[in-house]
PDB file of N, CA and C in Angstrom:
ATOM      1  N   MET A   1      -7.018 129.287 345.792  1.00  0.00           N
ATOM      2  CA  MET A   1      -6.601 130.020 344.612  1.00  0.00           C
ATOM      3  C   MET A   1      -5.083 130.020 344.538  1.00  0.00           C
ATOM      4  N   GLN A   2      -4.556 129.921 343.329  1.00  0.00           N
ATOM      5  CA  GLN A   2      -3.121 129.907 343.137  1.00  0.00           C
ATOM      6  C   GLN A   2      -2.546 131.289 343.410  1.00  0.00           C
ATOM      7  N   GLY A   3      -1.228 131.323 343.676  1.00  0.00           N
ATOM      8  CA  GLY A   3      -0.542 132.589 343.934  1.00  0.00           C
ATOM      9  C   GLY A   3      -0.482 133.459 342.696  1.00  0.00           C
ATOM     10  N   ASN A   4       0.071 134.616 342.856  1.00  0.00           N
ATOM     11  CA  ASN A   4       0.200 135.550 341.743  1.00  0.00           C
ATOM     12  C   ASN A   4       1.137 134.995 340.683  1.00  0.00           C
ATOM     13  N   PHE A   5       0.768 135.212 339.453  1.00  0.00           N
ATOM     14  CA  PHE A   5       1.593 134.803 338.325  1.00  0.00           C
ATOM     15  C   PHE A   5       2.697 135.836 338.135  1.00  0.00           C
ATOM     16  N   VAL A   6       3.902 135.361 337.966  1.00  0.00           N
ATOM     17  CA  VAL A   6       5.016 136.252 337.648  1.00  0.00           C
ATOM     18  C   VAL A   6       5.654 135.772 336.362  1.00  0.00           C
ATOM     19  N   MET A   7       6.278 136.666 335.649  1.00  0.00           N
ATOM     20  CA  MET A   7       6.824 136.336 334.334  1.00  0.00           C
ATOM     21  C   MET A   7       7.802 135.165 334.412  1.00  0.00           C
ATOM     22  N   GLU A   8       8.494 134.995 335.529  1.00  0.00           N
ATOM     23  CA  GLU A   8       9.426 133.885 335.649  1.00  0.00           C
ATOM     24  C   GLU A   8       8.715 132.538 335.542  1.00  0.00           C
ATOM     25  N   ASP A   9       7.393 132.509 335.775  1.00  0.00           N
ATOM     26  CA  ASP A   9       6.633 131.275 335.651  1.00  0.00           C
ATOM     27  C   ASP A   9       6.408 130.877 334.197  1.00  0.00           C
ATOM     28  N   ALA A  10       6.528 131.828 333.293  1.00  0.00           N
ATOM     29  CA  ALA A  10       6.261 131.564 331.880  1.00  0.00           C
ATOM     30  C   ALA A  10       7.415 130.779 331.275  1.00  0.00           C
ATOM     31  N   PRO A  11       7.117 129.658 330.613  1.00  0.00           N
ATOM     32  CA  PRO A  11       8.192 128.871 330.004  1.00  0.00           C
ATOM     33  C   PRO A  11       8.755 129.586 328.781  1.00  0.00           C
ATOM     34  N   THR A  12      10.054 129.796 328.762  1.00  0.00           N
ATOM     35  CA  THR A  12      10.665 130.508 327.646  1.00  0.00           C
ATOM     36  C   THR A  12      11.816 129.740 327.011  1.00  0.00           C
ATOM     37  N   GLU A  13      12.191 128.600 327.577  1.00  0.00           N
ATOM     38  CA  GLU A  13      13.303 127.862 326.990  1.00  0.00           C
ATOM     39  C   GLU A  13      12.903 127.306 325.632  1.00  0.00           C
ATOM     40  N   ASN A  14      13.883 127.147 324.785  1.00  0.00           N
ATOM     41  CA  ASN A  14      13.705 126.555 323.453  1.00  0.00           C
ATOM     42  C   ASN A  14      12.853 127.396 322.505  1.00  0.00           C
ATOM     43  N   ILE A  15      12.738 128.684 322.732  1.00  0.00           N
ATOM     44  CA  ILE A  15      12.056 129.540 321.764  1.00  0.00           C
ATOM     45  C   ILE A  15      13.129 130.085 320.825  1.00  0.00           C
ATOM     46  N   PRO A  16      13.085 129.700 319.543  1.00  0.00           N
ATOM     47  CA  PRO A  16      14.110 130.179 318.620  1.00  0.00           C
ATOM     48  C   PRO A  16      13.973 131.679 318.373  1.00  0.00           C
ATOM     49  N   SER A  17      15.064 132.277 317.939  1.00  0.00           N
ATOM     50  CA  SER A  17      14.981 133.696 317.606  1.00  0.00           C
ATOM     51  C   SER A  17      14.105 133.852 316.372  1.00  0.00           C
ATOM     52  N   MET A  18      13.381 134.962 316.323  1.00  0.00           N
ATOM     53  CA  MET A  18      12.490 135.222 315.192  1.00  0.00           C
ATOM     54  C   MET A  18      12.312 136.725 315.056  1.00  0.00           C
ATOM     55  N   SER A  19      11.773 137.126 313.946  1.00  0.00           N
ATOM     56  CA  SER A  19      11.526 138.545 313.707  1.00  0.00           C
ATOM     57  C   SER A  19      10.409 139.033 314.619  1.00  0.00           C
ATOM     58  N   ASP A  20      10.263 140.343 314.696  1.00  0.00           N
ATOM     59  CA  ASP A  20       9.170 140.919 315.485  1.00  0.00           C
ATOM     60  C   ASP A  20       7.820 140.423 314.980  1.00  0.00           C
ATOM     61  N   ASP A  21       7.648 140.386 313.648  1.00  0.00           N
ATOM     62  CA  ASP A  21       6.385 139.893 313.084  1.00  0.00           C
ATOM     63  C   ASP A  21       6.150 138.434 313.445  1.00  0.00           C
ATOM     64  N   GLY A  22       7.207 137.636 313.411  1.00  0.00           N
ATOM     65  CA  GLY A  22       7.089 136.232 313.779  1.00  0.00           C
ATOM     66  C   GLY A  22       6.681 136.062 315.227  1.00  0.00           C
ATOM     67  N   MET A  23       7.231 136.897 316.100  1.00  0.00           N
ATOM     68  CA  MET A  23       6.880 136.815 317.522  1.00  0.00           C
ATOM     69  C   MET A  23       5.425 137.221 317.741  1.00  0.00           C
ATOM     70  N   VAL A  24       4.966 138.235 317.007  1.00  0.00           N
ATOM     71  CA  VAL A  24       3.565 138.663 317.121  1.00  0.00           C
ATOM     72  C   VAL A  24       2.636 137.528 316.694  1.00  0.00           C
ATOM     73  N   ILE A  25       2.959 136.867 315.597  1.00  0.00           N
ATOM     74  CA  ILE A  25       2.144 135.744 315.119  1.00  0.00           C
ATOM     75  C   ILE A  25       2.136 134.625 316.158  1.00  0.00           C
ATOM     76  N   TYR A  26       3.301 134.302 316.695  1.00  0.00           N
ATOM     77  CA  TYR A  26       3.428 133.255 317.714  1.00  0.00           C
ATOM     78  C   TYR A  26       2.592 133.591 318.946  1.00  0.00           C
ATOM     79  N   MET A  27       2.714 134.810 319.444  1.00  0.00           N
ATOM     80  CA  MET A  27       1.982 135.206 320.650  1.00  0.00           C
ATOM     81  C   MET A  27       0.473 135.226 320.408  1.00  0.00           C
ATOM     82  N   ARG A  28       0.042 135.734 319.262  1.00  0.00           N
ATOM     83  CA  ARG A  28      -1.398 135.757 318.956  1.00  0.00           C
ATOM     84  C   ARG A  28      -1.956 134.346 318.853  1.00  0.00           C
ATOM     85  N   ALA A  29      -1.217 133.466 318.186  1.00  0.00           N
ATOM     86  CA  ALA A  29      -1.684 132.086 318.045  1.00  0.00           C
ATOM     87  C   ALA A  29      -1.802 131.420 319.417  1.00  0.00           C
ATOM     88  N   GLN A  30      -0.824 131.658 320.277  1.00  0.00           N
ATOM     89  CA  GLN A  30      -0.861 131.061 321.605  1.00  0.00           C
ATOM     90  C   GLN A  30      -2.019 131.624 322.431  1.00  0.00           C
ATOM     91  N   MET A  31      -2.258 132.916 322.327  1.00  0.00           N
ATOM     92  CA  MET A  31      -3.352 133.524 323.084  1.00  0.00           C
ATOM     93  C   MET A  31      -4.710 132.991 322.633  1.00  0.00           C
ATOM     94  N   ILE A  32      -4.871 132.738 321.339  1.00  0.00           N
ATOM     95  CA  ILE A  32      -6.130 132.179 320.840  1.00  0.00           C
ATOM     96  C   ILE A  32      -6.422 130.848 321.520  1.00  0.00           C
ATOM     97  N   VAL A  33      -5.401 130.021 321.645  1.00  0.00           N
ATOM     98  CA  VAL A  33      -5.583 128.710 322.276  1.00  0.00           C
ATOM     99  C   VAL A  33      -5.740 128.848 323.790  1.00  0.00           C
ATOM    100  N   ALA A  34      -4.903 129.678 324.418  1.00  0.00           N
ATOM    101  CA  ALA A  34      -4.944 129.825 325.880  1.00  0.00           C
ATOM    102  C   ALA A  34      -6.273 130.395 326.361  1.00  0.00           C
ATOM    103  N   PHE A  35      -6.875 131.301 325.590  1.00  0.00           N
ATOM    104  CA  PHE A  35      -8.147 131.898 325.980  1.00  0.00           C
ATOM    105  C   PHE A  35      -9.343 131.196 325.336  1.00  0.00           C
ATOM    106  N   GLY A  36      -9.065 130.095 324.632  1.00  0.00           N
ATOM    107  CA  GLY A  36     -10.119 129.364 323.942  1.00  0.00           C
ATOM    108  C   GLY A  36     -10.966 128.508 324.864  1.00  0.00           C
ATOM    109  N   HIS A  37     -12.023 127.971 324.296  1.00  0.00           N
ATOM    110  CA  HIS A  37     -13.001 127.194 325.052  1.00  0.00           C
ATOM    111  C   HIS A  37     -12.404 125.944 325.697  1.00  0.00           C
ATOM    112  N   VAL A  38     -11.510 125.267 324.974  1.00  0.00           N
ATOM    113  CA  VAL A  38     -10.961 124.019 325.508  1.00  0.00           C
ATOM    114  C   VAL A  38     -10.118 124.289 326.743  1.00  0.00           C
ATOM    115  N   ASN A  39      -9.193 125.261 326.678  1.00  0.00           N
ATOM    116  CA  ASN A  39      -8.375 125.559 327.852  1.00  0.00           C
ATOM    117  C   ASN A  39      -9.230 126.086 328.996  1.00  0.00           C
ATOM    118  N   LYS A  40     -10.231 126.909 328.682  1.00  0.00           N
ATOM    119  CA  LYS A  40     -11.096 127.419 329.752  1.00  0.00           C
ATOM    120  C   LYS A  40     -11.894 126.275 330.393  1.00  0.00           C
ATOM    121  N   TRP A  41     -12.262 125.283 329.611  1.00  0.00           N
ATOM    122  CA  TRP A  41     -12.978 124.133 330.154  1.00  0.00           C
ATOM    123  C   TRP A  41     -12.073 123.390 331.146  1.00  0.00           C
ATOM    124  N   PHE A  42     -10.826 123.086 330.722  1.00  0.00           N
ATOM    125  CA  PHE A  42      -9.887 122.405 331.616  1.00  0.00           C
ATOM    126  C   PHE A  42      -9.566 123.254 332.839  1.00  0.00           C
ATOM    127  N   ALA A  43      -9.382 124.548 332.658  1.00  0.00           N
ATOM    128  CA  ALA A  43      -9.122 125.434 333.801  1.00  0.00           C
ATOM    129  C   ALA A  43     -10.304 125.428 334.759  1.00  0.00           C
ATOM    130  N   GLY A  44     -11.523 125.430 334.214  1.00  0.00           N
ATOM    131  CA  GLY A  44     -12.719 125.394 335.045  1.00  0.00           C
ATOM    132  C   GLY A  44     -12.808 124.133 335.870  1.00  0.00           C
ATOM    133  N   ILE A  45     -12.423 123.005 335.280  1.00  0.00           N
ATOM    134  CA  ILE A  45     -12.406 121.748 336.025  1.00  0.00           C
ATOM    135  C   ILE A  45     -11.389 121.845 337.168  1.00  0.00           C
ATOM    136  N   ALA A  46     -10.206 122.346 336.855  1.00  0.00           N
ATOM    137  CA  ALA A  46      -9.149 122.445 337.871  1.00  0.00           C
ATOM    138  C   ALA A  46      -9.523 123.425 338.982  1.00  0.00           C
ATOM    139  N   LEU A  47     -10.199 124.509 338.637  1.00  0.00           N
ATOM    140  CA  LEU A  47     -10.523 125.552 339.606  1.00  0.00           C
ATOM    141  C   LEU A  47     -11.865 125.338 340.303  1.00  0.00           C
ATOM    142  N   GLY A  48     -12.743 124.596 339.676  1.00  0.00           N
ATOM    143  CA  GLY A  48     -14.062 124.378 340.253  1.00  0.00           C
ATOM    144  C   GLY A  48     -15.043 125.499 339.975  1.00  0.00           C
ATOM    145  N   HIS A  49     -14.694 126.386 339.048  1.00  0.00           N
ATOM    146  CA  HIS A  49     -15.595 127.463 338.643  1.00  0.00           C
ATOM    147  C   HIS A  49     -15.178 127.976 337.260  1.00  0.00           C
ATOM    148  N   SER A  50     -16.045 128.748 336.650  1.00  0.00           N
ATOM    149  CA  SER A  50     -15.737 129.324 335.342  1.00  0.00           C
ATOM    150  C   SER A  50     -14.576 130.315 335.500  1.00  0.00           C
ATOM    151  N   PRO A  51     -13.459 130.088 334.791  1.00  0.00           N
ATOM    152  CA  PRO A  51     -12.273 130.905 335.021  1.00  0.00           C
ATOM    153  C   PRO A  51     -12.329 132.257 334.308  1.00  0.00           C
ATOM    154  N   SER A  52     -11.678 133.227 334.914  1.00  0.00           N
ATOM    155  CA  SER A  52     -11.454 134.509 334.238  1.00  0.00           C
ATOM    156  C   SER A  52     -10.346 134.295 333.201  1.00  0.00           C
ATOM    157  N   ASP A  53     -10.120 135.280 332.371  1.00  0.00           N
ATOM    158  CA  ASP A  53      -9.031 135.169 331.396  1.00  0.00           C
ATOM    159  C   ASP A  53      -7.684 134.991 332.088  1.00  0.00           C
ATOM    160  N   SER A  54      -7.450 135.725 333.166  1.00  0.00           N
ATOM    161  CA  SER A  54      -6.153 135.593 333.851  1.00  0.00           C
ATOM    162  C   SER A  54      -6.008 134.218 334.493  1.00  0.00           C
ATOM    163  N   GLU A  55      -7.097 133.662 335.029  1.00  0.00           N
ATOM    164  CA  GLU A  55      -7.037 132.315 335.593  1.00  0.00           C
ATOM    165  C   GLU A  55      -6.801 131.281 334.495  1.00  0.00           C
ATOM    166  N   ALA A  56      -7.422 131.479 333.339  1.00  0.00           N
ATOM    167  CA  ALA A  56      -7.212 130.563 332.215  1.00  0.00           C
ATOM    168  C   ALA A  56      -5.760 130.615 331.750  1.00  0.00           C
ATOM    169  N   MET A  57      -5.178 131.809 331.665  1.00  0.00           N
ATOM    170  CA  MET A  57      -3.776 131.935 331.254  1.00  0.00           C
ATOM    171  C   MET A  57      -2.855 131.315 332.294  1.00  0.00           C
ATOM    172  N   ARG A  58      -3.131 131.537 333.561  1.00  0.00           N
ATOM    173  CA  ARG A  58      -2.315 130.936 334.622  1.00  0.00           C
ATOM    174  C   ARG A  58      -2.373 129.412 334.515  1.00  0.00           C
ATOM    175  N   HIS A  59      -3.575 128.868 334.296  1.00  0.00           N
ATOM    176  CA  HIS A  59      -3.727 127.419 334.137  1.00  0.00           C
ATOM    177  C   HIS A  59      -2.954 126.932 332.910  1.00  0.00           C
ATOM    178  N   TRP A  60      -3.048 127.667 331.816  1.00  0.00           N
ATOM    179  CA  TRP A  60      -2.362 127.335 330.566  1.00  0.00           C
ATOM    180  C   TRP A  60      -0.863 127.165 330.818  1.00  0.00           C
ATOM    181  N   ILE A  61      -0.299 128.042 331.605  1.00  0.00           N
ATOM    182  CA  ILE A  61       1.140 128.008 331.865  1.00  0.00           C
ATOM    183  C   ILE A  61       1.499 126.959 332.911  1.00  0.00           C
ATOM    184  N   THR A  62       0.808 126.973 334.035  1.00  0.00           N
ATOM    185  CA  THR A  62       1.203 126.095 335.145  1.00  0.00           C
ATOM    186  C   THR A  62       0.862 124.623 334.914  1.00  0.00           C
ATOM    187  N   SER A  63      -0.088 124.341 334.032  1.00  0.00           N
ATOM    188  CA  SER A  63      -0.450 122.948 333.753  1.00  0.00           C
ATOM    189  C   SER A  63       0.521 122.269 332.792  1.00  0.00           C
ATOM    190  N   GLY A  64       1.386 123.064 332.167  1.00  0.00           N
ATOM    191  CA  GLY A  64       2.306 122.509 331.181  1.00  0.00           C
ATOM    192  C   GLY A  64       1.780 122.599 329.756  1.00  0.00           C
ATOM    193  N   ALA A  65       0.547 123.063 329.589  1.00  0.00           N
ATOM    194  CA  ALA A  65      -0.046 123.152 328.252  1.00  0.00           C
ATOM    195  C   ALA A  65       0.720 124.138 327.371  1.00  0.00           C
ATOM    196  N   ALA A  66       1.192 125.240 327.941  1.00  0.00           N
ATOM    197  CA  ALA A  66       1.937 126.232 327.154  1.00  0.00           C
ATOM    198  C   ALA A  66       3.222 125.622 326.602  1.00  0.00           C
ATOM    199  N   LYS A  67       3.913 124.858 327.415  1.00  0.00           N
ATOM    200  CA  LYS A  67       5.159 124.226 326.974  1.00  0.00           C
ATOM    201  C   LYS A  67       4.885 123.196 325.881  1.00  0.00           C
ATOM    202  N   ARG A  68       3.861 122.372 326.079  1.00  0.00           N
ATOM    203  CA  ARG A  68       3.507 121.376 325.045  1.00  0.00           C
ATOM    204  C   ARG A  68       3.108 122.058 323.743  1.00  0.00           C
ATOM    205  N   TRP A  69       2.318 123.139 323.843  1.00  0.00           N
ATOM    206  CA  TRP A  69       1.879 123.865 322.652  1.00  0.00           C
ATOM    207  C   TRP A  69       3.080 124.472 321.929  1.00  0.00           C
ATOM    208  N   ARG A  70       3.986 125.094 322.683  1.00  0.00           N
ATOM    209  CA  ARG A  70       5.172 125.719 322.092  1.00  0.00           C
ATOM    210  C   ARG A  70       5.999 124.681 321.346  1.00  0.00           C
ATOM    211  N   ASN A  71       6.231 123.527 321.966  1.00  0.00           N
ATOM    212  CA  ASN A  71       7.020 122.481 321.314  1.00  0.00           C
ATOM    213  C   ASN A  71       6.359 122.022 320.023  1.00  0.00           C
ATOM    214  N   GLU A  72       5.046 121.861 320.046  1.00  0.00           N
ATOM    215  CA  GLU A  72       4.326 121.452 318.834  1.00  0.00           C
ATOM    216  C   GLU A  72       4.359 122.550 317.778  1.00  0.00           C
ATOM    217  N   TYR A  73       4.171 123.803 318.198  1.00  0.00           N
ATOM    218  CA  TYR A  73       4.177 124.931 317.268  1.00  0.00           C
ATOM    219  C   TYR A  73       5.500 125.000 316.507  1.00  0.00           C
ATOM    220  N   PHE A  74       6.619 124.945 317.224  1.00  0.00           N
ATOM    221  CA  PHE A  74       7.909 125.054 316.564  1.00  0.00           C
ATOM    222  C   PHE A  74       8.283 123.795 315.823  1.00  0.00           C
ATOM    223  N   SER A  75       7.784 122.645 316.252  1.00  0.00           N
ATOM    224  CA  SER A  75       8.020 121.411 315.531  1.00  0.00           C
ATOM    225  C   SER A  75       7.305 121.439 314.179  1.00  0.00           C
ATOM    226  N   ASN A  76       6.085 121.991 314.159  1.00  0.00           N
ATOM    227  CA  ASN A  76       5.295 122.061 312.925  1.00  0.00           C
ATOM    228  C   ASN A  76       5.686 123.208 312.025  1.00  0.00           C
ATOM    229  N   ASN A  77       6.449 124.186 312.540  1.00  0.00           N
ATOM    230  CA  ASN A  77       6.803 125.380 311.775  1.00  0.00           C
ATOM    231  C   ASN A  77       8.307 125.536 311.653  1.00  0.00           C
ATOM    232  N   LYS A  78       9.035 124.444 311.530  1.00  0.00           N
ATOM    233  CA  LYS A  78      10.488 124.502 311.422  1.00  0.00           C
ATOM    234  C   LYS A  78      10.890 125.359 310.230  1.00  0.00           C
ATOM    235  N   GLY A  79      11.790 126.292 310.488  1.00  0.00           N
ATOM    236  CA  GLY A  79      12.282 127.160 309.423  1.00  0.00           C
ATOM    237  C   GLY A  79      11.289 128.210 308.991  1.00  0.00           C
ATOM    238  N   ASN A  80      10.191 128.310 309.672  1.00  0.00           N
ATOM    239  CA  ASN A  80       9.117 129.230 309.276  1.00  0.00           C
ATOM    240  C   ASN A  80       8.886 130.266 310.367  1.00  0.00           C
ATOM    241  N   HIS A  81       9.942 130.754 310.981  1.00  0.00           N
ATOM    242  CA  HIS A  81       9.797 131.639 312.129  1.00  0.00           C
ATOM    243  C   HIS A  81       9.831 133.102 311.753  1.00  0.00           C
ATOM    244  N   HIS A  82       9.586 133.382 310.521  1.00  0.00           N
ATOM    245  CA  HIS A  82       9.460 134.750 309.989  1.00  0.00           C
ATOM    246  C   HIS A  82      10.662 135.563 310.308  1.00  0.00           C
TER     247      HIS A  82
END
């Protein structure tokens, strides 16, 4: 099992400034994907068992998926950061 997740593990570089509402939308959208079936499937393969939500989120971050998703999100929403 992987070690404890700490906030320093979360990728935060290249996140543009945005309003509080924009940040809420961004975080909700990311959580939908991170806790979704596809990420849980990949996390399950990596872990060898059906992952809990915290294991799925840890996998989402440590696998690089969060960084790739963030880059795509901001690339597709240029100038739309509320």
